[in-house]
Each structure stands twice: as structure tokens, then as C-alpha cells.
Amino acid sequence: MKALTLALLFSTMSITTYGMTVVNPTQPQRRPTGHMDQHSKGGRWYFAATGHAVYCYGPVMTLPQANGDLQRVATFCRDGQAVVPLKD
């Protein structure tokens, strides 16, 4: 048991050879890639007027419609759309 503890202790320490310190490099952490990596840009999920969820990075704005009503929209969405009407 002592030998295992000493081996573990020495494997994590840096090695000194000829007056130079050589540090054991650690392996970089592996992260799974996929659609979850795209959420790190500071966006937010919204409920679109079409009934689908959309992930957008820009601010929510209120734009006038042709009939004079106001429509809330999310801007700069992940699917490439610049403006997505939101369900109120």
C-alpha cells in the first residue's frame, strides 16, 4: 500500500533533471461536440409564432406591422434568420 501511495505521489510531481524542472504535461479535457456547444455564445431560447422553439443571440425588439399592430421579434437566430416573430 505504501509503494502504491509513493508511486502516485511521484507520478504527479514535477521531475528535476540537471538543474532544470520538467513538468509532466496533463492531457486536455475532452468535451463531447454537438449542438450544445453552440449555446456558449450567450443566446436564449424563444417560442416563435410558428410554434417552434428558436435559439437567438440578439435582442428582442418590437417592430410595427403593415396593419399598424406591433410585433415582438427575436433577432439573429441560430438557423440563419435575422428576425423571428415571437408568440406572445
PDB file of N, CA and C in Angstrom:
ATOM      1  N   MET A   1       0.820  -1.184   0.000  1.00  0.00           N
ATOM      2  CA  MET A   1       0.000   0.000   0.000  1.00  0.00           C
ATOM      3  C   MET A   1       0.870   1.255   0.000  1.00  0.00           C
ATOM      4  N   LYS A   2       1.980   1.226   0.769  1.00  0.00           N
ATOM      5  CA  LYS A   2       2.886   2.376   0.806  1.00  0.00           C
ATOM      6  C   LYS A   2       3.536   2.586  -0.556  1.00  0.00           C
ATOM      7  N   ALA A   3       3.875   1.504  -1.234  1.00  0.00           N
ATOM      8  CA  ALA A   3       4.508   1.621  -2.543  1.00  0.00           C
ATOM      9  C   ALA A   3       3.550   2.260  -3.546  1.00  0.00           C
ATOM     10  N   LEU A   4       2.281   1.906  -3.487  1.00  0.00           N
ATOM     11  CA  LEU A   4       1.279   2.483  -4.381  1.00  0.00           C
ATOM     12  C   LEU A   4       1.096   3.967  -4.105  1.00  0.00           C
ATOM     13  N   THR A   5       1.083   4.340  -2.831  1.00  0.00           N
ATOM     14  CA  THR A   5       0.945   5.743  -2.458  1.00  0.00           C
ATOM     15  C   THR A   5       2.154   6.544  -2.923  1.00  0.00           C
ATOM     16  N   LEU A   6       3.351   6.013  -2.743  1.00  0.00           N
ATOM     17  CA  LEU A   6       4.561   6.712  -3.192  1.00  0.00           C
ATOM     18  C   LEU A   6       4.605   6.824  -4.713  1.00  0.00           C
ATOM     19  N   ALA A   7       4.213   5.769  -5.405  1.00  0.00           N
ATOM     20  CA  ALA A   7       4.203   5.814  -6.862  1.00  0.00           C
ATOM     21  C   ALA A   7       3.232   6.877  -7.359  1.00  0.00           C
ATOM     22  N   LEU A   8       2.066   6.984  -6.747  1.00  0.00           N
ATOM     23  CA  LEU A   8       1.092   8.000  -7.125  1.00  0.00           C
ATOM     24  C   LEU A   8       1.613   9.399  -6.826  1.00  0.00           C
ATOM     25  N   LEU A   9       2.270   9.550  -5.694  1.00  0.00           N
ATOM     26  CA  LEU A   9       2.818  10.841  -5.311  1.00  0.00           C
ATOM     27  C   LEU A   9       3.900  11.287  -6.295  1.00  0.00           C
ATOM     28  N   PHE A  10       4.805  10.393  -6.642  1.00  0.00           N
ATOM     29  CA  PHE A  10       5.894  10.749  -7.553  1.00  0.00           C
ATOM     30  C   PHE A  10       5.417  10.930  -8.990  1.00  0.00           C
ATOM     31  N   SER A  11       4.348  10.284  -9.379  1.00  0.00           N
ATOM     32  CA  SER A  11       3.872  10.441 -10.752  1.00  0.00           C
ATOM     33  C   SER A  11       3.235  11.800 -10.983  1.00  0.00           C
ATOM     34  N   THR A  12       2.744  12.453  -9.927  1.00  0.00           N
ATOM     35  CA  THR A  12       2.107  13.753 -10.078  1.00  0.00           C
ATOM     36  C   THR A  12       3.068  14.910  -9.859  1.00  0.00           C
ATOM     37  N   MET A  13       4.234  14.647  -9.324  1.00  0.00           N
ATOM     38  CA  MET A  13       5.204  15.714  -9.065  1.00  0.00           C
ATOM     39  C   MET A  13       6.025  15.993 -10.307  1.00  0.00           C
ATOM     40  N   SER A  14       6.603  17.186 -10.346  1.00  0.00           N
ATOM     41  CA  SER A  14       7.487  17.513 -11.460  1.00  0.00           C
ATOM     42  C   SER A  14       8.836  16.813 -11.251  1.00  0.00           C
ATOM     43  N   ILE A  15       9.548  16.584 -12.335  1.00  0.00           N
ATOM     44  CA  ILE A  15      10.819  15.870 -12.301  1.00  0.00           C
ATOM     45  C   ILE A  15      11.946  16.883 -12.490  1.00  0.00           C
ATOM     46  N   THR A  16      12.957  16.842 -11.619  1.00  0.00           N
ATOM     47  CA  THR A  16      14.100  17.732 -11.745  1.00  0.00           C
ATOM     48  C   THR A  16      15.280  16.944 -12.299  1.00  0.00           C
ATOM     49  N   THR A  17      15.816  17.402 -13.450  1.00  0.00           N
ATOM     50  CA  THR A  17      16.976  16.748 -14.051  1.00  0.00           C
ATOM     51  C   THR A  17      17.990  17.811 -14.425  1.00  0.00           C
ATOM     52  N   TYR A  18      19.196  17.630 -13.951  1.00  0.00           N
ATOM     53  CA  TYR A  18      20.316  18.515 -14.254  1.00  0.00           C
ATOM     54  C   TYR A  18      19.984  19.977 -13.986  1.00  0.00           C
ATOM     55  N   GLY A  19      19.286  20.251 -12.918  1.00  0.00           N
ATOM     56  CA  GLY A  19      19.004  21.629 -12.539  1.00  0.00           C
ATOM     57  C   GLY A  19      17.812  22.233 -13.265  1.00  0.00           C
ATOM     58  N   MET A  20      17.205  21.505 -14.215  1.00  0.00           N
ATOM     59  CA  MET A  20      16.036  22.024 -14.933  1.00  0.00           C
ATOM     60  C   MET A  20      14.795  21.285 -14.433  1.00  0.00           C
ATOM     61  N   THR A  21      13.730  22.001 -14.334  1.00  0.00           N
ATOM     62  CA  THR A  21      12.482  21.385 -13.908  1.00  0.00           C
ATOM     63  C   THR A  21      11.665  21.027 -15.142  1.00  0.00           C
ATOM     64  N   VAL A  22      11.288  19.768 -15.230  1.00  0.00           N
ATOM     65  CA  VAL A  22      10.468  19.292 -16.333  1.00  0.00           C
ATOM     66  C   VAL A  22       9.113  18.938 -15.747  1.00  0.00           C
ATOM     67  N   VAL A  23       8.074  19.576 -16.231  1.00  0.00           N
ATOM     68  CA  VAL A  23       6.730  19.359 -15.702  1.00  0.00           C
ATOM     69  C   VAL A  23       6.033  18.328 -16.574  1.00  0.00           C
ATOM     70  N   ASN A  24       5.394  17.357 -15.922  1.00  0.00           N
ATOM     71  CA  ASN A  24       4.627  16.371 -16.664  1.00  0.00           C
ATOM     72  C   ASN A  24       3.395  17.039 -17.265  1.00  0.00           C
ATOM     73  N   PRO A  25       3.243  17.031 -18.574  1.00  0.00           N
ATOM     74  CA  PRO A  25       2.066  17.673 -19.171  1.00  0.00           C
ATOM     75  C   PRO A  25       0.802  16.858 -18.881  1.00  0.00           C
ATOM     76  N   THR A  26      -0.269  17.565 -18.684  1.00  0.00           N
ATOM     77  CA  THR A  26      -1.546  16.893 -18.455  1.00  0.00           C
ATOM     78  C   THR A  26      -2.326  16.849 -19.761  1.00  0.00           C
ATOM     79  N   GLN A  27      -3.147  15.855 -19.903  1.00  0.00           N
ATOM     80  CA  GLN A  27      -3.971  15.732 -21.088  1.00  0.00           C
ATOM     81  C   GLN A  27      -5.094  16.762 -21.035  1.00  0.00           C
ATOM     82  N   PRO A  28      -5.411  17.417 -22.158  1.00  0.00           N
ATOM     83  CA  PRO A  28      -6.526  18.368 -22.144  1.00  0.00           C
ATOM     84  C   PRO A  28      -7.840  17.623 -21.947  1.00  0.00           C
ATOM     85  N   GLN A  29      -8.763  18.292 -21.298  1.00  0.00           N
ATOM     86  CA  GLN A  29     -10.060  17.670 -21.073  1.00  0.00           C
ATOM     87  C   GLN A  29     -10.795  17.556 -22.384  1.00  0.00           C
ATOM     88  N   ARG A  30     -11.399  16.408 -22.612  1.00  0.00           N
ATOM     89  CA  ARG A  30     -12.165  16.194 -23.830  1.00  0.00           C
ATOM     90  C   ARG A  30     -13.624  16.504 -23.541  1.00  0.00           C
ATOM     91  N   ARG A  31     -14.185  17.309 -24.416  1.00  0.00           N
ATOM     92  CA  ARG A  31     -15.598  17.628 -24.301  1.00  0.00           C
ATOM     93  C   ARG A  31     -16.317  17.044 -25.499  1.00  0.00           C
ATOM     94  N   PRO A  32     -17.474  16.487 -25.288  1.00  0.00           N
ATOM     95  CA  PRO A  32     -18.220  15.987 -26.443  1.00  0.00           C
ATOM     96  C   PRO A  32     -18.669  17.155 -27.310  1.00  0.00           C
ATOM     97  N   THR A  33     -18.579  16.978 -28.600  1.00  0.00           N
ATOM     98  CA  THR A  33     -19.006  18.033 -29.510  1.00  0.00           C
ATOM     99  C   THR A  33     -20.430  17.763 -29.947  1.00  0.00           C
ATOM    100  N   GLY A  34     -21.123  18.787 -30.279  1.00  0.00           N
ATOM    101  CA  GLY A  34     -22.505  18.635 -30.716  1.00  0.00           C
ATOM    102  C   GLY A  34     -23.233  19.956 -30.639  1.00  0.00           C
ATOM    103  N   HIS A  35     -24.526  19.886 -30.634  1.00  0.00           N
ATOM    104  CA  HIS A  35     -25.322  21.102 -30.662  1.00  0.00           C
ATOM    105  C   HIS A  35     -25.251  21.886 -29.363  1.00  0.00           C
ATOM    106  N   MET A  36     -24.828  21.284 -28.283  1.00  0.00           N
ATOM    107  CA  MET A  36     -24.758  22.002 -27.016  1.00  0.00           C
ATOM    108  C   MET A  36     -23.620  23.017 -26.998  1.00  0.00           C
ATOM    109  N   ASP A  37     -22.613  22.850 -27.842  1.00  0.00           N
ATOM    110  CA  ASP A  37     -21.505  23.795 -27.891  1.00  0.00           C
ATOM    111  C   ASP A  37     -21.941  25.149 -28.438  1.00  0.00           C
ATOM    112  N   GLN A  38     -23.017  25.191 -29.169  1.00  0.00           N
ATOM    113  CA  GLN A  38     -23.465  26.433 -29.776  1.00  0.00           C
ATOM    114  C   GLN A  38     -24.143  27.350 -28.774  1.00  0.00           C
ATOM    115  N   HIS A  39     -24.449  26.868 -27.574  1.00  0.00           N
ATOM    116  CA  HIS A  39     -25.131  27.671 -26.585  1.00  0.00           C
ATOM    117  C   HIS A  39     -24.196  28.579 -25.808  1.00  0.00           C
ATOM    118  N   SER A  40     -22.919  28.480 -26.039  1.00  0.00           N
ATOM    119  CA  SER A  40     -21.971  29.268 -25.265  1.00  0.00           C
ATOM    120  C   SER A  40     -21.846  30.703 -25.759  1.00  0.00           C
ATOM    121  N   LYS A  41     -22.576  31.091 -26.771  1.00  0.00           N
ATOM    122  CA  LYS A  41     -22.468  32.440 -27.317  1.00  0.00           C
ATOM    123  C   LYS A  41     -23.365  33.442 -26.603  1.00  0.00           C
ATOM    124  N   GLY A  42     -24.074  33.025 -25.594  1.00  0.00           N
ATOM    125  CA  GLY A  42     -24.887  33.962 -24.827  1.00  0.00           C
ATOM    126  C   GLY A  42     -26.284  34.154 -25.374  1.00  0.00           C
ATOM    127  N   GLY A  43     -26.804  33.229 -26.128  1.00  0.00           N
ATOM    128  CA  GLY A  43     -28.145  33.344 -26.662  1.00  0.00           C
ATOM    129  C   GLY A  43     -29.195  32.857 -25.684  1.00  0.00           C
ATOM    130  N   ARG A  44     -30.420  32.773 -26.212  1.00  0.00           N
ATOM    131  CA  ARG A  44     -31.550  32.378 -25.376  1.00  0.00           C
ATOM    132  C   ARG A  44     -32.608  31.700 -26.243  1.00  0.00           C
ATOM    133  N   TRP A  45     -33.357  30.782 -25.652  1.00  0.00           N
ATOM    134  CA  TRP A  45     -34.444  30.104 -26.348  1.00  0.00           C
ATOM    135  C   TRP A  45     -35.699  30.975 -26.303  1.00  0.00           C
ATOM    136  N   TYR A  46     -36.415  31.031 -27.441  1.00  0.00           N
ATOM    137  CA  TYR A  46     -37.675  31.761 -27.537  1.00  0.00           C
ATOM    138  C   TYR A  46     -38.710  30.868 -28.198  1.00  0.00           C
ATOM    139  N   PHE A  47     -39.988  31.186 -27.979  1.00  0.00           N
ATOM    140  CA  PHE A  47     -41.093  30.456 -28.595  1.00  0.00           C
ATOM    141  C   PHE A  47     -41.570  31.283 -29.780  1.00  0.00           C
ATOM    142  N   ALA A  48     -41.355  30.782 -30.986  1.00  0.00           N
ATOM    143  CA  ALA A  48     -41.692  31.506 -32.207  1.00  0.00           C
ATOM    144  C   ALA A  48     -43.197  31.469 -32.447  1.00  0.00           C
ATOM    145  N   ALA A  49     -43.690  32.398 -33.267  1.00  0.00           N
ATOM    146  CA  ALA A  49     -45.109  32.454 -33.605  1.00  0.00           C
ATOM    147  C   ALA A  49     -45.536  31.225 -34.403  1.00  0.00           C
ATOM    148  N   THR A  50     -44.602  30.539 -35.036  1.00  0.00           N
ATOM    149  CA  THR A  50     -44.917  29.328 -35.790  1.00  0.00           C
ATOM    150  C   THR A  50     -45.121  28.130 -34.897  1.00  0.00           C
ATOM    151  N   GLY A  51     -44.827  28.243 -33.590  1.00  0.00           N
ATOM    152  CA  GLY A  51     -44.989  27.152 -32.651  1.00  0.00           C
ATOM    153  C   GLY A  51     -43.711  26.392 -32.379  1.00  0.00           C
ATOM    154  N   HIS A  52     -42.606  26.818 -32.947  1.00  0.00           N
ATOM    155  CA  HIS A  52     -41.324  26.149 -32.749  1.00  0.00           C
ATOM    156  C   HIS A  52     -40.450  26.949 -31.788  1.00  0.00           C
ATOM    157  N   ALA A  53     -39.532  26.260 -31.145  1.00  0.00           N
ATOM    158  CA  ALA A  53     -38.551  26.926 -30.292  1.00  0.00           C
ATOM    159  C   ALA A  53     -37.378  27.362 -31.161  1.00  0.00           C
ATOM    160  N   VAL A  54     -36.876  28.567 -30.946  1.00  0.00           N
ATOM    161  CA  VAL A  54     -35.734  29.089 -31.689  1.00  0.00           C
ATOM    162  C   VAL A  54     -34.706  29.598 -30.695  1.00  0.00           C
ATOM    163  N   TYR A  55     -33.438  29.494 -31.072  1.00  0.00           N
ATOM    164  CA  TYR A  55     -32.344  29.980 -30.228  1.00  0.00           C
ATOM    165  C   TYR A  55     -31.753  31.203 -30.910  1.00  0.00           C
ATOM    166  N   CYS A  56     -31.836  32.359 -30.234  1.00  0.00           N
ATOM    167  CA  CYS A  56     -31.398  33.614 -30.840  1.00  0.00           C
ATOM    168  C   CYS A  56     -30.371  34.300 -29.950  1.00  0.00           C
ATOM    169  N   TYR A  57     -29.481  35.052 -30.597  1.00  0.00           N
ATOM    170  CA  TYR A  57     -28.376  35.715 -29.910  1.00  0.00           C
ATOM    171  C   TYR A  57     -28.617  37.203 -29.702  1.00  0.00           C
ATOM    172  N   GLY A  58     -29.424  37.797 -30.529  1.00  0.00           N
ATOM    173  CA  GLY A  58     -29.628  39.243 -30.477  1.00  0.00           C
ATOM    174  C   GLY A  58     -30.736  39.641 -29.524  1.00  0.00           C
ATOM    175  N   PRO A  59     -31.016  40.940 -29.463  1.00  0.00           N
ATOM    176  CA  PRO A  59     -32.056  41.429 -28.556  1.00  0.00           C
ATOM    177  C   PRO A  59     -33.457  41.177 -29.105  1.00  0.00           C
ATOM    178  N   VAL A  60     -34.436  41.212 -28.219  1.00  0.00           N
ATOM    179  CA  VAL A  60     -35.843  41.156 -28.617  1.00  0.00           C
ATOM    180  C   VAL A  60     -36.285  42.580 -28.909  1.00  0.00           C
ATOM    181  N   MET A  61     -36.930  42.759 -30.061  1.00  0.00           N
ATOM    182  CA  MET A  61     -37.361  44.092 -30.488  1.00  0.00           C
ATOM    183  C   MET A  61     -38.852  44.085 -30.762  1.00  0.00           C
ATOM    184  N   THR A  62     -39.447  45.263 -30.777  1.00  0.00           N
ATOM    185  CA  THR A  62     -40.847  45.427 -31.149  1.00  0.00           C
ATOM    186  C   THR A  62     -40.875  46.198 -32.458  1.00  0.00           C
ATOM    187  N   LEU A  63     -41.431  45.550 -33.498  1.00  0.00           N
ATOM    188  CA  LEU A  63     -41.475  46.165 -34.825  1.00  0.00           C
ATOM    189  C   LEU A  63     -42.925  46.400 -35.238  1.00  0.00           C
ATOM    190  N   PRO A  64     -43.176  47.491 -35.976  1.00  0.00           N
ATOM    191  CA  PRO A  64     -44.544  47.727 -36.455  1.00  0.00           C
ATOM    192  C   PRO A  64     -44.857  46.814 -37.647  1.00  0.00           C
ATOM    193  N   GLN A  65     -46.113  46.331 -37.702  1.00  0.00           N
ATOM    194  CA  GLN A  65     -46.555  45.535 -38.835  1.00  0.00           C
ATOM    195  C   GLN A  65     -47.258  46.436 -39.835  1.00  0.00           C
ATOM    196  N   ALA A  66     -47.613  45.887 -40.985  1.00  0.00           N
ATOM    197  CA  ALA A  66     -48.257  46.671 -42.044  1.00  0.00           C
ATOM    198  C   ALA A  66     -49.633  47.187 -41.615  1.00  0.00           C
ATOM    199  N   ASN A  67     -50.360  46.453 -40.766  1.00  0.00           N
ATOM    200  CA  ASN A  67     -51.708  46.877 -40.354  1.00  0.00           C
ATOM    201  C   ASN A  67     -51.688  47.828 -39.151  1.00  0.00           C
ATOM    202  N   GLY A  68     -50.511  48.196 -38.656  1.00  0.00           N
ATOM    203  CA  GLY A  68     -50.391  49.134 -37.546  1.00  0.00           C
ATOM    204  C   GLY A  68     -50.148  48.489 -36.200  1.00  0.00           C
ATOM    205  N   ASP A  69     -50.285  47.179 -36.111  1.00  0.00           N
ATOM    206  CA  ASP A  69     -50.016  46.483 -34.854  1.00  0.00           C
ATOM    207  C   ASP A  69     -48.511  46.396 -34.614  1.00  0.00           C
ATOM    208  N   LEU A  70     -48.150  46.078 -33.385  1.00  0.00           N
ATOM    209  CA  LEU A  70     -46.748  45.886 -33.036  1.00  0.00           C
ATOM    210  C   LEU A  70     -46.474  44.393 -32.868  1.00  0.00           C
ATOM    211  N   GLN A  71     -45.331  43.932 -33.334  1.00  0.00           N
ATOM    212  CA  GLN A  71     -44.950  42.516 -33.267  1.00  0.00           C
ATOM    213  C   GLN A  71     -43.613  42.396 -32.559  1.00  0.00           C
ATOM    214  N   ARG A  72     -43.558  41.537 -31.512  1.00  0.00           N
ATOM    215  CA  ARG A  72     -42.276  41.256 -30.848  1.00  0.00           C
ATOM    216  C   ARG A  72     -41.505  40.262 -31.700  1.00  0.00           C
ATOM    217  N   VAL A  73     -40.214  40.518 -31.898  1.00  0.00           N
ATOM    218  CA  VAL A  73     -39.374  39.636 -32.697  1.00  0.00           C
ATOM    219  C   VAL A  73     -38.041  39.417 -31.979  1.00  0.00           C
ATOM    220  N   ALA A  74     -37.489  38.235 -32.176  1.00  0.00           N
ATOM    221  CA  ALA A  74     -36.133  37.940 -31.713  1.00  0.00           C
ATOM    222  C   ALA A  74     -35.206  38.115 -32.907  1.00  0.00           C
ATOM    223  N   THR A  75     -33.975  38.548 -32.653  1.00  0.00           N
ATOM    224  CA  THR A  75     -33.059  38.836 -33.756  1.00  0.00           C
ATOM    225  C   THR A  75     -31.826  37.942 -33.703  1.00  0.00           C
ATOM    226  N   PHE A  76     -31.231  37.730 -34.857  1.00  0.00           N
ATOM    227  CA  PHE A  76     -30.001  36.957 -35.039  1.00  0.00           C
ATOM    228  C   PHE A  76     -30.117  35.552 -34.465  1.00  0.00           C
ATOM    229  N   CYS A  77     -30.929  34.736 -35.106  1.00  0.00           N
ATOM    230  CA  CYS A  77     -31.196  33.396 -34.620  1.00  0.00           C
ATOM    231  C   CYS A  77     -30.237  32.388 -35.226  1.00  0.00           C
ATOM    232  N   ARG A  78     -30.125  31.234 -34.583  1.00  0.00           N
ATOM    233  CA  ARG A  78     -29.152  30.214 -34.938  1.00  0.00           C
ATOM    234  C   ARG A  78     -29.392  29.612 -36.321  1.00  0.00           C
ATOM    235  N   ASP A  79     -30.612  29.524 -36.763  1.00  0.00           N
ATOM    236  CA  ASP A  79     -30.895  28.908 -38.048  1.00  0.00           C
ATOM    237  C   ASP A  79     -30.634  29.845 -39.230  1.00  0.00           C
ATOM    238  N   GLY A  80     -30.072  31.002 -38.971  1.00  0.00           N
ATOM    239  CA  GLY A  80     -29.702  31.924 -40.044  1.00  0.00           C
ATOM    240  C   GLY A  80     -30.716  33.018 -40.277  1.00  0.00           C
ATOM    241  N   GLN A  81     -31.835  32.973 -39.606  1.00  0.00           N
ATOM    242  CA  GLN A  81     -32.834  34.014 -39.778  1.00  0.00           C
ATOM    243  C   GLN A  81     -32.440  35.257 -38.988  1.00  0.00           C
ATOM    244  N   ALA A  82     -32.630  36.420 -39.593  1.00  0.00           N
ATOM    245  CA  ALA A  82     -32.278  37.653 -38.920  1.00  0.00           C
ATOM    246  C   ALA A  82     -33.362  38.069 -37.938  1.00  0.00           C
ATOM    247  N   VAL A  83     -34.646  37.821 -38.284  1.00  0.00           N
ATOM    248  CA  VAL A  83     -35.763  38.224 -37.448  1.00  0.00           C
ATOM    249  C   VAL A  83     -36.772  37.082 -37.395  1.00  0.00           C
ATOM    250  N   VAL A  84     -37.205  36.709 -36.166  1.00  0.00           N
ATOM    251  CA  VAL A  84     -38.201  35.662 -35.982  1.00  0.00           C
ATOM    252  C   VAL A  84     -39.331  36.233 -35.133  1.00  0.00           C
ATOM    253  N   PRO A  85     -40.572  36.268 -35.673  1.00  0.00           N
ATOM    254  CA  PRO A  85     -41.713  36.729 -34.875  1.00  0.00           C
ATOM    255  C   PRO A  85     -41.945  35.783 -33.691  1.00  0.00           C
ATOM    256  N   LEU A  86     -42.237  36.384 -32.528  1.00  0.00           N
ATOM    257  CA  LEU A  86     -42.433  35.610 -31.303  1.00  0.00           C
ATOM    258  C   LEU A  86     -43.907  35.491 -30.964  1.00  0.00           C
ATOM    259  N   LYS A  87     -44.252  34.394 -30.295  1.00  0.00           N
ATOM    260  CA  LYS A  87     -45.614  34.203 -29.822  1.00  0.00           C
ATOM    261  C   LYS A  87     -45.732  34.932 -28.486  1.00  0.00           C
ATOM    262  N   ASP A  88     -46.781  35.720 -28.335  1.00  0.00           N
ATOM    263  CA  ASP A  88     -46.962  36.481 -27.084  1.00  0.00           C
ATOM    264  C   ASP A  88     -47.608  35.685 -26.025  1.00  0.00           C
TER     265      ASP A  88
END
